[in-house]
Structure formats: C-alpha cells, structure tokens
Amino acid sequence: MIARIAVLGLAVLLNGISVLAADPPAVERLWPVRAPGATGDRPEDTPTLTIWRPTENAAKTAIVVCPGGGYGHLALDHEGKQIAQWLNSLGITAAVLEYRHRGKGYAHPAPLTDAQRAIRLVRSRAEALDIDAHRVGIIGFSAGGHLASTAATHFDTGNPQADDPVDRVSCRPDFAILCYAVIAFGEPFTHAGSQHNLLGKDAPPELVQQFSNEKQVSAETPPCFIWHTDEDRVVPSENSVMFYLACRKHKVPAELHIYRSGQHGVGLAAKINGANLWPKQCELWLRGQGFLPKQQP
C-alpha cells in the first residue's frame, strides 16, 4: 500500500513501507522573532520546525521528531525525513525539529527550550493541523532521544498570563518514543560526548543529575515506547533499561524492546533482522495506547 505523503513524488521503500518521496514542506521558525537565548539572527541561531502532513488516513495524532547527533550535529535524513515519511504512512502528522546544539554554538538550555516550544506550537495548532491536542507525542534518536526523554520528564502546563498564546499551552508530550536514546549522565555507560556537548565538561553534579533522565521520571511522565540494540557500543542499552525500570517504579505505562543485532544510529533499521521490527511494534503500541485507530479485523 502506498501512503500518499504528497500528490507528486517518487515511490521509495522505507523498512518495507512504500511511501512517496517528496520535497519537505516549507521550514518555519519556532519563534517569529529571535529565539530565547539566541546570540544572533543567523540560520544557526534559528531553531526550526518542518511539518509533514499525511494526505490520507489522518490519525489525529502528531509527533515532534528529534534527530540525534550527540548534541553536536543533526542526522536530519535517516532520523528526521525518513522518520517523518514513516509516520505519515501511518496517518500521523510529523514535525521535524532542527534544534540548537553545540555545533551551532549552543548548549543547555537551548535544546530543551526548542523542544518544549515545538510541542507547544504543534499543540496550539491542533485545529489547523486537524489533530487532537491530547495526541501530541515526541520521538527521539540517540541524543535526540535524550532530548525527547528530557521533554517527557521536564515540562509545565503553560503560562496562562503569557503574551504569546503559544506559551499558554502545555509542553508535556502525551507520549514518548525513545530510540537507542542517551538517557543517563554521570554513569560508566553514559555517552560522554552528548553530556559534555549539552552541559559542558565541568558541569556541577546537581545539573548532571537533573538531566540524567532516569532519575527524573515521575508518575506524571507520559507513556513510553523504548527500544535499543544489544550490539550498540556507542550508547549502551543500559540507558534504555534504566529508563524503563524508572517507569516501572513510578507506574508509568512503558514497553521496552532490546534487539540483539544493530550498531548505533540505525534509524528505521530496514536491513537489520530483529531491529527492523521496531516500526511495526511501535505502531502496534500506538494503537494499543489509543494514539492510532485500532485495525479492523
């Protein structure tokens, strides 16, 4: 079956899913004026969102997509565009976030500020995007998974007194999908590059703990789908295991998959036996959680 991402384009195969390849929609700024904490108005100072909308089978669900890159760059193709195309094939609106990071001259709090704004912005446009404001999730890969897990554990309900109507909206995601995610900081299995790029090499211990996200899970953390590979030596699977156990401790609905094969950064994992099941298993999880319609028998 071909899910029509755009009226025109060339059919391509992503992890067994036939979709139409097309140029992405226009990129837009997260803020109409300079972003908070920005040091200028150059492209690298300007976080953006690219919204990919399905043209059929709309599921009323939207997901903010956070590509990885160790908080030093962004893997915008296989952890951005390709993920948006897969989500569109399910009828999900995808919003690919190009957040600020060390490679652009930014560290904490810029990435989280950008992710929170992206969630607020998508939710504030629920009617225009034909989505349910209570079905706005986040997905992240590697360091983008750390950002997604941060958004799932550090959030607020919005400021009702804000002049900007977007800032009046909650930034809590309704669910999170964490893909070979960086989670823990200050541990033997930490991805040190991500920690140092985000917080600096001499970050105070309290800041390291604040963004070691398995320590920040609470009963308010949204449901999570988590997957990793056992062969990942860049970001060991202990990161995902620790986050899953924290979810269990706080009775947060969570599902964890650890696949045997696959190095770090595999995206849709189309050619990797075992790991290539994650998109379908994630789809089934989304259906079970009510974020996609149940399939007819």
C-alpha atoms as a PDB file:
ATOM      1  CA  MET A   1       0.000   0.000   0.000  1.00  0.00           C
ATOM      2  CA  ILE A   2       1.262   3.471  -0.844  1.00  0.00           C
ATOM      3  CA  ALA A   3       0.616   6.146   1.761  1.00  0.00           C
ATOM      4  CA  ARG A   4       0.407   9.452  -0.095  1.00  0.00           C
ATOM      5  CA  ILE A   5       2.740  11.918   1.586  1.00  0.00           C
ATOM      6  CA  ALA A   6       2.397  14.273  -1.338  1.00  0.00           C
ATOM      7  CA  VAL A   7       0.463  14.306  -4.575  1.00  0.00           C
ATOM      8  CA  LEU A   8       3.689  14.152  -6.603  1.00  0.00           C
ATOM      9  CA  GLY A   9       6.862  12.219  -5.923  1.00  0.00           C
ATOM     10  CA  LEU A  10       8.769   9.022  -6.495  1.00  0.00           C
ATOM     11  CA  ALA A  11       7.816   5.844  -4.673  1.00  0.00           C
ATOM     12  CA  VAL A  12      10.549   4.575  -2.357  1.00  0.00           C
ATOM     13  CA  LEU A  13      10.747   1.770   0.177  1.00  0.00           C
ATOM     14  CA  LEU A  14      11.441   2.533   3.835  1.00  0.00           C
ATOM     15  CA  ASN A  15      11.693  -0.569   6.030  1.00  0.00           C
ATOM     16  CA  GLY A  16       9.185  -2.337   3.823  1.00  0.00           C
ATOM     17  CA  ILE A  17       6.805   0.626   3.841  1.00  0.00           C
ATOM     18  CA  SER A  18       6.043   2.069   0.425  1.00  0.00           C
ATOM     19  CA  VAL A  19       5.798   5.841   0.578  1.00  0.00           C
ATOM     20  CA  LEU A  20       6.075   8.715  -1.827  1.00  0.00           C
ATOM     21  CA  ALA A  21       9.319  10.647  -1.640  1.00  0.00           C
ATOM     22  CA  ALA A  22       8.786  14.393  -1.996  1.00  0.00           C
ATOM     23  CA  ASP A  23      10.449  17.607  -1.068  1.00  0.00           C
ATOM     24  CA  PRO A  24       9.588  18.511   2.520  1.00  0.00           C
ATOM     25  CA  PRO A  25       7.197  21.351   3.294  1.00  0.00           C
ATOM     26  CA  ALA A  26       8.499  24.832   3.926  1.00  0.00           C
ATOM     27  CA  VAL A  27      10.650  25.206   7.031  1.00  0.00           C
ATOM     28  CA  GLU A  28       9.336  27.644   9.632  1.00  0.00           C
ATOM     29  CA  ARG A  29      10.843  29.342  12.656  1.00  0.00           C
ATOM     30  CA  LEU A  30       9.813  28.209  16.132  1.00  0.00           C
ATOM     31  CA  TRP A  31       9.549  31.842  17.185  1.00  0.00           C
ATOM     32  CA  PRO A  32       8.512  34.681  14.862  1.00  0.00           C
ATOM     33  CA  VAL A  33      11.302  36.779  16.377  1.00  0.00           C
ATOM     34  CA  ARG A  34      14.709  35.868  17.847  1.00  0.00           C
ATOM     35  CA  ALA A  35      14.642  32.650  19.880  1.00  0.00           C
ATOM     36  CA  PRO A  36      15.210  32.908  23.650  1.00  0.00           C
ATOM     37  CA  GLY A  37      18.932  32.909  24.376  1.00  0.00           C
ATOM     38  CA  ALA A  38      19.901  33.310  20.709  1.00  0.00           C
ATOM     39  CA  THR A  39      23.058  35.314  20.119  1.00  0.00           C
ATOM     40  CA  GLY A  40      22.109  36.475  16.638  1.00  0.00           C
ATOM     41  CA  ASP A  41      19.774  36.003  13.693  1.00  0.00           C
ATOM     42  CA  ARG A  42      21.891  33.664  11.588  1.00  0.00           C
ATOM     43  CA  PRO A  43      20.451  30.318  10.400  1.00  0.00           C
ATOM     44  CA  GLU A  44      22.373  28.538  13.178  1.00  0.00           C
ATOM     45  CA  ASP A  45      20.697  30.802  15.746  1.00  0.00           C
ATOM     46  CA  THR A  46      17.214  29.996  14.475  1.00  0.00           C
ATOM     47  CA  PRO A  47      15.550  26.713  15.528  1.00  0.00           C
ATOM     48  CA  THR A  48      13.006  25.481  13.002  1.00  0.00           C
ATOM     49  CA  LEU A  49      10.165  23.036  12.543  1.00  0.00           C
ATOM     50  CA  THR A  50       9.217  21.248   9.335  1.00  0.00           C
ATOM     51  CA  ILE A  51       5.702  19.830   9.423  1.00  0.00           C
ATOM     52  CA  TRP A  52       4.951  16.821   7.250  1.00  0.00           C
ATOM     53  CA  ARG A  53       1.218  16.172   6.943  1.00  0.00           C
ATOM     54  CA  PRO A  54      -0.366  12.944   5.676  1.00  0.00           C
ATOM     55  CA  THR A  55      -2.865  13.421   2.881  1.00  0.00           C
ATOM     56  CA  GLU A  56      -4.973  10.394   3.751  1.00  0.00           C
ATOM     57  CA  ASN A  57      -5.792   8.159   6.731  1.00  0.00           C
ATOM     58  CA  ALA A  58      -5.224  11.059   9.152  1.00  0.00           C
ATOM     59  CA  ALA A  59      -4.933   9.646  12.659  1.00  0.00           C
ATOM     60  CA  LYS A  60      -5.463  12.961  14.523  1.00  0.00           C
ATOM     61  CA  THR A  61      -2.031  12.380  16.106  1.00  0.00           C
ATOM     62  CA  ALA A  62       1.143  14.459  15.766  1.00  0.00           C
ATOM     63  CA  ILE A  63       4.722  13.651  16.770  1.00  0.00           C
ATOM     64  CA  VAL A  64       7.674  16.009  17.178  1.00  0.00           C
ATOM     65  CA  VAL A  65      10.762  14.310  15.696  1.00  0.00           C
ATOM     66  CA  CYS A  66      14.159  14.923  17.341  1.00  0.00           C
ATOM     67  CA  PRO A  67      17.087  13.651  15.239  1.00  0.00           C
ATOM     68  CA  GLY A  68      20.269  12.623  17.022  1.00  0.00           C
ATOM     69  CA  GLY A  69      23.841  13.779  16.626  1.00  0.00           C
ATOM     70  CA  GLY A  70      25.431  13.894  20.068  1.00  0.00           C
ATOM     71  CA  TYR A  71      24.191  17.454  20.640  1.00  0.00           C
ATOM     72  CA  GLY A  72      26.851  18.444  18.095  1.00  0.00           C
ATOM     73  CA  HIS A  73      25.041  17.978  14.782  1.00  0.00           C
ATOM     74  CA  LEU A  74      21.730  16.584  13.495  1.00  0.00           C
ATOM     75  CA  ALA A  75      21.093  13.407  11.474  1.00  0.00           C
ATOM     76  CA  LEU A  76      18.250  15.040   9.557  1.00  0.00           C
ATOM     77  CA  ASP A  77      17.827  12.342   6.915  1.00  0.00           C
ATOM     78  CA  HIS A  78      17.592   8.863   8.466  1.00  0.00           C
ATOM     79  CA  GLU A  79      16.479  10.196  11.878  1.00  0.00           C
ATOM     80  CA  GLY A  80      14.404  13.067  10.511  1.00  0.00           C
ATOM     81  CA  LYS A  81      12.981  12.996   6.987  1.00  0.00           C
ATOM     82  CA  GLN A  82      12.737   9.186   6.779  1.00  0.00           C
ATOM     83  CA  ILE A  83      11.013   9.054  10.171  1.00  0.00           C
ATOM     84  CA  ALA A  84       8.529  11.734   9.059  1.00  0.00           C
ATOM     85  CA  GLN A  85       7.722   9.696   5.943  1.00  0.00           C
ATOM     86  CA  TRP A  86       7.151   6.559   8.015  1.00  0.00           C
ATOM     87  CA  LEU A  87       4.877   8.438  10.429  1.00  0.00           C
ATOM     88  CA  ASN A  88       2.953   9.913   7.506  1.00  0.00           C
ATOM     89  CA  SER A  89       2.401   6.363   6.206  1.00  0.00           C
ATOM     90  CA  LEU A  90       0.538   5.708   9.470  1.00  0.00           C
ATOM     91  CA  GLY A  91      -1.556   8.855   9.074  1.00  0.00           C
ATOM     92  CA  ILE A  92       0.465  10.725  11.712  1.00  0.00           C
ATOM     93  CA  THR A  93       1.491  14.360  11.307  1.00  0.00           C
ATOM     94  CA  ALA A  94       5.262  14.646  11.819  1.00  0.00           C
ATOM     95  CA  ALA A  95       7.075  17.813  12.904  1.00  0.00           C
ATOM     96  CA  VAL A  96      10.847  17.508  12.410  1.00  0.00           C
ATOM     97  CA  LEU A  97      12.693  19.724  14.874  1.00  0.00           C
ATOM     98  CA  GLU A  98      16.002  21.320  13.952  1.00  0.00           C
ATOM     99  CA  TYR A  99      17.062  22.333  17.456  1.00  0.00           C
ATOM    100  CA  ARG A 100      20.106  24.310  18.561  1.00  0.00           C
ATOM    101  CA  HIS A 101      23.167  22.376  19.741  1.00  0.00           C
ATOM    102  CA  ARG A 102      26.893  22.698  20.442  1.00  0.00           C
ATOM    103  CA  GLY A 103      27.779  22.524  16.751  1.00  0.00           C
ATOM    104  CA  LYS A 104      25.745  25.689  16.268  1.00  0.00           C
ATOM    105  CA  GLY A 105      27.262  27.302  19.341  1.00  0.00           C
ATOM    106  CA  TYR A 106      24.562  26.374  21.865  1.00  0.00           C
ATOM    107  CA  ALA A 107      24.347  24.216  24.960  1.00  0.00           C
ATOM    108  CA  HIS A 108      21.770  23.808  27.744  1.00  0.00           C
ATOM    109  CA  PRO A 109      19.081  25.152  27.981  1.00  0.00           C
ATOM    110  CA  ALA A 110      18.670  25.842  24.247  1.00  0.00           C
ATOM    111  CA  PRO A 111      17.806  22.276  23.067  1.00  0.00           C
ATOM    112  CA  LEU A 112      15.110  21.778  25.709  1.00  0.00           C
ATOM    113  CA  THR A 113      13.751  25.287  25.152  1.00  0.00           C
ATOM    114  CA  ASP A 114      13.391  24.428  21.466  1.00  0.00           C
ATOM    115  CA  ALA A 115      11.758  21.034  22.081  1.00  0.00           C
ATOM    116  CA  GLN A 116       9.256  22.475  24.551  1.00  0.00           C
ATOM    117  CA  ARG A 117       8.387  25.246  22.114  1.00  0.00           C
ATOM    118  CA  ALA A 118       7.887  22.695  19.320  1.00  0.00           C
ATOM    119  CA  ILE A 119       5.397  20.717  21.417  1.00  0.00           C
ATOM    120  CA  ARG A 120       3.539  23.884  22.391  1.00  0.00           C
ATOM    121  CA  LEU A 121       3.482  25.128  18.798  1.00  0.00           C
ATOM    122  CA  VAL A 122       2.100  21.882  17.360  1.00  0.00           C
ATOM    123  CA  ARG A 123      -0.494  21.595  20.130  1.00  0.00           C
ATOM    124  CA  SER A 124      -1.564  25.218  19.713  1.00  0.00           C
ATOM    125  CA  ARG A 125      -2.278  24.489  16.027  1.00  0.00           C
ATOM    126  CA  ALA A 126      -4.375  21.401  16.648  1.00  0.00           C
ATOM    127  CA  GLU A 127      -7.382  22.683  14.743  1.00  0.00           C
ATOM    128  CA  ALA A 128      -5.384  23.916  11.747  1.00  0.00           C
ATOM    129  CA  LEU A 129      -3.396  20.650  11.588  1.00  0.00           C
ATOM    130  CA  ASP A 130      -6.518  18.519  12.063  1.00  0.00           C
ATOM    131  CA  ILE A 131      -5.096  16.764  15.104  1.00  0.00           C
ATOM    132  CA  ASP A 132      -6.216  16.153  18.679  1.00  0.00           C
ATOM    133  CA  ALA A 133      -4.414  18.463  21.123  1.00  0.00           C
ATOM    134  CA  HIS A 134      -4.227  15.483  23.509  1.00  0.00           C
ATOM    135  CA  ARG A 135      -2.378  13.340  20.966  1.00  0.00           C
ATOM    136  CA  VAL A 136       0.904  15.203  20.617  1.00  0.00           C
ATOM    137  CA  GLY A 137       3.920  12.988  21.226  1.00  0.00           C
ATOM    138  CA  ILE A 138       7.675  13.135  20.765  1.00  0.00           C
ATOM    139  CA  ILE A 139      10.195  10.727  19.250  1.00  0.00           C
ATOM    140  CA  GLY A 140      13.959  10.980  19.540  1.00  0.00           C
ATOM    141  CA  PHE A 141      17.057   9.098  18.414  1.00  0.00           C
ATOM    142  CA  SER A 142      20.354   8.884  20.335  1.00  0.00           C
ATOM    143  CA  ALA A 143      20.987  12.386  21.741  1.00  0.00           C
ATOM    144  CA  GLY A 144      17.627  13.323  20.226  1.00  0.00           C
ATOM    145  CA  GLY A 145      16.277  10.523  22.421  1.00  0.00           C
ATOM    146  CA  HIS A 146      17.854  12.252  25.398  1.00  0.00           C
ATOM    147  CA  LEU A 147      16.071  15.425  24.346  1.00  0.00           C
ATOM    148  CA  ALA A 148      12.785  13.534  23.971  1.00  0.00           C
ATOM    149  CA  SER A 149      13.228  11.915  27.399  1.00  0.00           C
ATOM    150  CA  THR A 150      14.023  15.347  28.833  1.00  0.00           C
ATOM    151  CA  ALA A 151      10.810  16.740  27.363  1.00  0.00           C
ATOM    152  CA  ALA A 152       8.959  13.771  28.907  1.00  0.00           C
ATOM    153  CA  THR A 153      10.380  14.479  32.386  1.00  0.00           C
ATOM    154  CA  HIS A 154      10.781  18.285  32.396  1.00  0.00           C
ATOM    155  CA  PHE A 155       7.606  20.102  31.409  1.00  0.00           C
ATOM    156  CA  ASP A 156       4.966  22.594  32.526  1.00  0.00           C
ATOM    157  CA  THR A 157       1.317  23.295  31.813  1.00  0.00           C
ATOM    158  CA  GLY A 158       1.969  26.653  30.171  1.00  0.00           C
ATOM    159  CA  ASN A 159       1.737  30.224  31.386  1.00  0.00           C
ATOM    160  CA  PRO A 160      -1.859  31.482  31.178  1.00  0.00           C
ATOM    161  CA  GLN A 161      -0.614  35.072  31.545  1.00  0.00           C
ATOM    162  CA  ALA A 162       1.839  34.891  28.633  1.00  0.00           C
ATOM    163  CA  ASP A 163       1.520  37.466  25.868  1.00  0.00           C
ATOM    164  CA  ASP A 164       2.364  34.804  23.281  1.00  0.00           C
ATOM    165  CA  PRO A 165      -0.642  32.439  23.017  1.00  0.00           C
ATOM    166  CA  VAL A 166       1.695  29.528  22.202  1.00  0.00           C
ATOM    167  CA  ASP A 167       3.342  29.917  25.619  1.00  0.00           C
ATOM    168  CA  ARG A 168      -0.042  29.439  27.304  1.00  0.00           C
ATOM    169  CA  VAL A 169      -0.120  25.836  26.090  1.00  0.00           C
ATOM    170  CA  SER A 170       1.311  22.805  27.918  1.00  0.00           C
ATOM    171  CA  CYS A 171       4.656  21.414  26.724  1.00  0.00           C
ATOM    172  CA  ARG A 172       4.074  17.943  28.229  1.00  0.00           C
ATOM    173  CA  PRO A 173       4.115  15.341  25.465  1.00  0.00           C
ATOM    174  CA  ASP A 174       1.240  12.858  25.576  1.00  0.00           C
ATOM    175  CA  PHE A 175       3.667  10.001  24.857  1.00  0.00           C
ATOM    176  CA  ALA A 176       7.349   9.483  24.066  1.00  0.00           C
ATOM    177  CA  ILE A 177       9.185   7.098  21.729  1.00  0.00           C
ATOM    178  CA  LEU A 178      12.846   6.677  22.695  1.00  0.00           C
ATOM    179  CA  CYS A 179      15.126   5.103  20.091  1.00  0.00           C
ATOM    180  CA  TYR A 180      18.610   3.972  21.213  1.00  0.00           C
ATOM    181  CA  ALA A 181      18.431   7.016  23.448  1.00  0.00           C
ATOM    182  CA  VAL A 182      21.091   8.661  25.531  1.00  0.00           C
ATOM    183  CA  ILE A 183      19.480   8.745  28.992  1.00  0.00           C
ATOM    184  CA  ALA A 184      21.880   8.615  31.922  1.00  0.00           C
ATOM    185  CA  PHE A 185      24.590  11.168  32.669  1.00  0.00           C
ATOM    186  CA  GLY A 186      27.488  10.650  35.055  1.00  0.00           C
ATOM    187  CA  GLU A 187      27.481   6.838  34.666  1.00  0.00           C
ATOM    188  CA  PRO A 188      30.004   4.343  33.221  1.00  0.00           C
ATOM    189  CA  PHE A 189      27.600   3.760  30.302  1.00  0.00           C
ATOM    190  CA  THR A 190      26.996   7.471  29.645  1.00  0.00           C
ATOM    191  CA  HIS A 191      27.639   8.809  26.153  1.00  0.00           C
ATOM    192  CA  ALA A 192      30.179  11.352  27.367  1.00  0.00           C
ATOM    193  CA  GLY A 193      30.124  13.368  24.159  1.00  0.00           C
ATOM    194  CA  SER A 194      26.426  14.134  24.493  1.00  0.00           C
ATOM    195  CA  GLN A 195      26.785  15.051  28.158  1.00  0.00           C
ATOM    196  CA  HIS A 196      29.745  17.342  27.515  1.00  0.00           C
ATOM    197  CA  ASN A 197      28.147  18.995  24.475  1.00  0.00           C
ATOM    198  CA  LEU A 198      24.944  19.684  26.388  1.00  0.00           C
ATOM    199  CA  LEU A 199      26.220  20.593  29.863  1.00  0.00           C
ATOM    200  CA  GLY A 200      29.960  21.207  29.445  1.00  0.00           C
ATOM    201  CA  LYS A 201      32.841  19.086  30.728  1.00  0.00           C
ATOM    202  CA  ASP A 202      32.795  20.675  34.194  1.00  0.00           C
ATOM    203  CA  ALA A 203      29.048  20.738  34.837  1.00  0.00           C
ATOM    204  CA  PRO A 204      28.087  20.782  38.533  1.00  0.00           C
ATOM    205  CA  PRO A 205      26.868  17.435  39.899  1.00  0.00           C
ATOM    206  CA  GLU A 206      23.357  18.754  40.524  1.00  0.00           C
ATOM    207  CA  LEU A 207      22.996  19.706  36.853  1.00  0.00           C
ATOM    208  CA  VAL A 208      24.293  16.308  35.749  1.00  0.00           C
ATOM    209  CA  GLN A 209      21.708  14.623  37.978  1.00  0.00           C
ATOM    210  CA  GLN A 210      18.923  16.932  36.793  1.00  0.00           C
ATOM    211  CA  PHE A 211      19.454  15.777  33.216  1.00  0.00           C
ATOM    212  CA  SER A 212      20.170  12.147  33.964  1.00  0.00           C
ATOM    213  CA  ASN A 213      16.603  11.462  32.998  1.00  0.00           C
ATOM    214  CA  GLU A 214      16.076   8.055  34.561  1.00  0.00           C
ATOM    215  CA  LYS A 215      16.340   9.945  37.862  1.00  0.00           C
ATOM    216  CA  GLN A 216      13.648  12.420  36.779  1.00  0.00           C
ATOM    217  CA  VAL A 217      10.833  10.013  35.914  1.00  0.00           C
ATOM    218  CA  SER A 218       7.680  10.605  37.954  1.00  0.00           C
ATOM    219  CA  ALA A 219       4.067   9.494  37.951  1.00  0.00           C
ATOM    220  CA  GLU A 220       3.413  12.390  35.563  1.00  0.00           C
ATOM    221  CA  THR A 221       5.804  11.067  32.910  1.00  0.00           C
ATOM    222  CA  PRO A 222       3.768  10.102  29.808  1.00  0.00           C
ATOM    223  CA  PRO A 223       3.615   6.553  28.387  1.00  0.00           C
ATOM    224  CA  CYS A 224       6.832   5.469  26.663  1.00  0.00           C
ATOM    225  CA  PHE A 225       7.891   3.075  23.912  1.00  0.00           C
ATOM    226  CA  ILE A 226      11.612   2.342  24.253  1.00  0.00           C
ATOM    227  CA  TRP A 227      13.959   0.323  22.073  1.00  0.00           C
ATOM    228  CA  HIS A 228      17.666  -0.325  21.768  1.00  0.00           C
ATOM    229  CA  THR A 229      20.111  -2.895  20.379  1.00  0.00           C
ATOM    230  CA  ASP A 230      22.393  -5.135  22.383  1.00  0.00           C
ATOM    231  CA  GLU A 231      25.268  -4.526  19.967  1.00  0.00           C
ATOM    232  CA  ASP A 232      25.195  -0.749  20.478  1.00  0.00           C
ATOM    233  CA  ARG A 233      28.590   0.189  21.891  1.00  0.00           C
ATOM    234  CA  VAL A 234      28.254   3.951  21.381  1.00  0.00           C
ATOM    235  CA  VAL A 235      25.200   4.328  23.614  1.00  0.00           C
ATOM    236  CA  PRO A 236      24.886   1.085  25.596  1.00  0.00           C
ATOM    237  CA  SER A 237      21.428  -0.364  26.119  1.00  0.00           C
ATOM    238  CA  GLU A 238      21.715   0.179  29.881  1.00  0.00           C
ATOM    239  CA  ASN A 239      20.430   3.678  29.120  1.00  0.00           C
ATOM    240  CA  SER A 240      17.084   2.358  27.907  1.00  0.00           C
ATOM    241  CA  VAL A 241      16.903  -0.324  30.599  1.00  0.00           C
ATOM    242  CA  MET A 242      17.392   2.211  33.382  1.00  0.00           C
ATOM    243  CA  PHE A 243      14.687   4.473  31.975  1.00  0.00           C
ATOM    244  CA  TYR A 244      12.278   1.547  31.632  1.00  0.00           C
ATOM    245  CA  LEU A 245      12.896   0.460  35.226  1.00  0.00           C
ATOM    246  CA  ALA A 246      12.263   4.017  36.397  1.00  0.00           C
ATOM    247  CA  CYS A 247       8.959   3.971  34.512  1.00  0.00           C
ATOM    248  CA  ARG A 248       8.011   0.709  36.230  1.00  0.00           C
ATOM    249  CA  LYS A 249       8.895   2.164  39.613  1.00  0.00           C
ATOM    250  CA  HIS A 250       6.557   5.104  39.044  1.00  0.00           C
ATOM    251  CA  LYS A 251       3.843   3.026  37.322  1.00  0.00           C
ATOM    252  CA  VAL A 252       4.274   4.813  34.006  1.00  0.00           C
ATOM    253  CA  PRO A 253       2.995   2.639  31.127  1.00  0.00           C
ATOM    254  CA  ALA A 254       6.101   1.600  29.190  1.00  0.00           C
ATOM    255  CA  GLU A 255       7.229  -1.017  26.696  1.00  0.00           C
ATOM    256  CA  LEU A 256      10.890  -1.942  26.155  1.00  0.00           C
ATOM    257  CA  HIS A 257      12.471  -3.865  23.267  1.00  0.00           C
ATOM    258  CA  ILE A 258      16.149  -4.841  23.186  1.00  0.00           C
ATOM    259  CA  TYR A 259      17.119  -6.337  19.824  1.00  0.00           C
ATOM    260  CA  ARG A 260      20.288  -8.410  19.522  1.00  0.00           C
ATOM    261  CA  SER A 261      21.721  -7.022  16.284  1.00  0.00           C
ATOM    262  CA  GLY A 262      22.429  -3.493  15.142  1.00  0.00           C
ATOM    263  CA  GLN A 263      25.093  -0.907  15.740  1.00  0.00           C
ATOM    264  CA  HIS A 264      24.278   2.602  16.912  1.00  0.00           C
ATOM    265  CA  GLY A 265      22.303   5.002  14.747  1.00  0.00           C
ATOM    266  CA  VAL A 266      20.321   2.558  12.599  1.00  0.00           C
ATOM    267  CA  GLY A 267      17.187   4.682  12.113  1.00  0.00           C
ATOM    268  CA  LEU A 268      14.386   2.530  10.689  1.00  0.00           C
ATOM    269  CA  ALA A 269      16.808  -0.440  10.733  1.00  0.00           C
ATOM    270  CA  ALA A 270      15.390  -1.743   7.439  1.00  0.00           C
ATOM    271  CA  LYS A 271      18.140  -4.330   6.797  1.00  0.00           C
ATOM    272  CA  ILE A 272      18.775  -5.498  10.357  1.00  0.00           C
ATOM    273  CA  ASN A 273      16.996  -8.671  11.414  1.00  0.00           C
ATOM    274  CA  GLY A 274      15.126  -8.150  14.657  1.00  0.00           C
ATOM    275  CA  ALA A 275      15.584  -4.422  14.926  1.00  0.00           C
ATOM    276  CA  ASN A 276      13.659  -3.988  11.664  1.00  0.00           C
ATOM    277  CA  LEU A 277      10.567  -4.982  13.630  1.00  0.00           C
ATOM    278  CA  TRP A 278      10.586  -1.855  15.774  1.00  0.00           C
ATOM    279  CA  PRO A 279       8.459   0.347  13.468  1.00  0.00           C
ATOM    280  CA  LYS A 280       5.670  -2.249  13.355  1.00  0.00           C
ATOM    281  CA  GLN A 281       5.884  -2.950  17.087  1.00  0.00           C
ATOM    282  CA  CYS A 282       5.811   0.777  17.764  1.00  0.00           C
ATOM    283  CA  GLU A 283       2.755   1.102  15.513  1.00  0.00           C
ATOM    284  CA  LEU A 284       1.003  -1.657  17.469  1.00  0.00           C
ATOM    285  CA  TRP A 285       1.913   0.083  20.729  1.00  0.00           C
ATOM    286  CA  LEU A 286       0.489   3.377  19.448  1.00  0.00           C
ATOM    287  CA  ARG A 287      -2.729   1.593  18.504  1.00  0.00           C
ATOM    288  CA  GLY A 288      -2.921  -0.070  21.896  1.00  0.00           C
ATOM    289  CA  GLN A 289      -2.440   3.292  23.644  1.00  0.00           C
ATOM    290  CA  GLY A 290      -5.205   4.890  21.561  1.00  0.00           C
ATOM    291  CA  PHE A 291      -2.937   7.202  19.525  1.00  0.00           C
ATOM    292  CA  LEU A 292      -3.795   5.336  16.305  1.00  0.00           C
ATOM    293  CA  PRO A 293      -7.155   3.795  15.372  1.00  0.00           C
ATOM    294  CA  LYS A 294      -7.497   0.109  16.121  1.00  0.00           C
ATOM    295  CA  GLN A 295      -7.178  -2.010  12.998  1.00  0.00           C
ATOM    296  CA  GLN A 296     -10.321  -3.645  11.753  1.00  0.00           C
ATOM    297  CA  PRO A 297     -10.288  -7.472  11.942  1.00  0.00           C
END
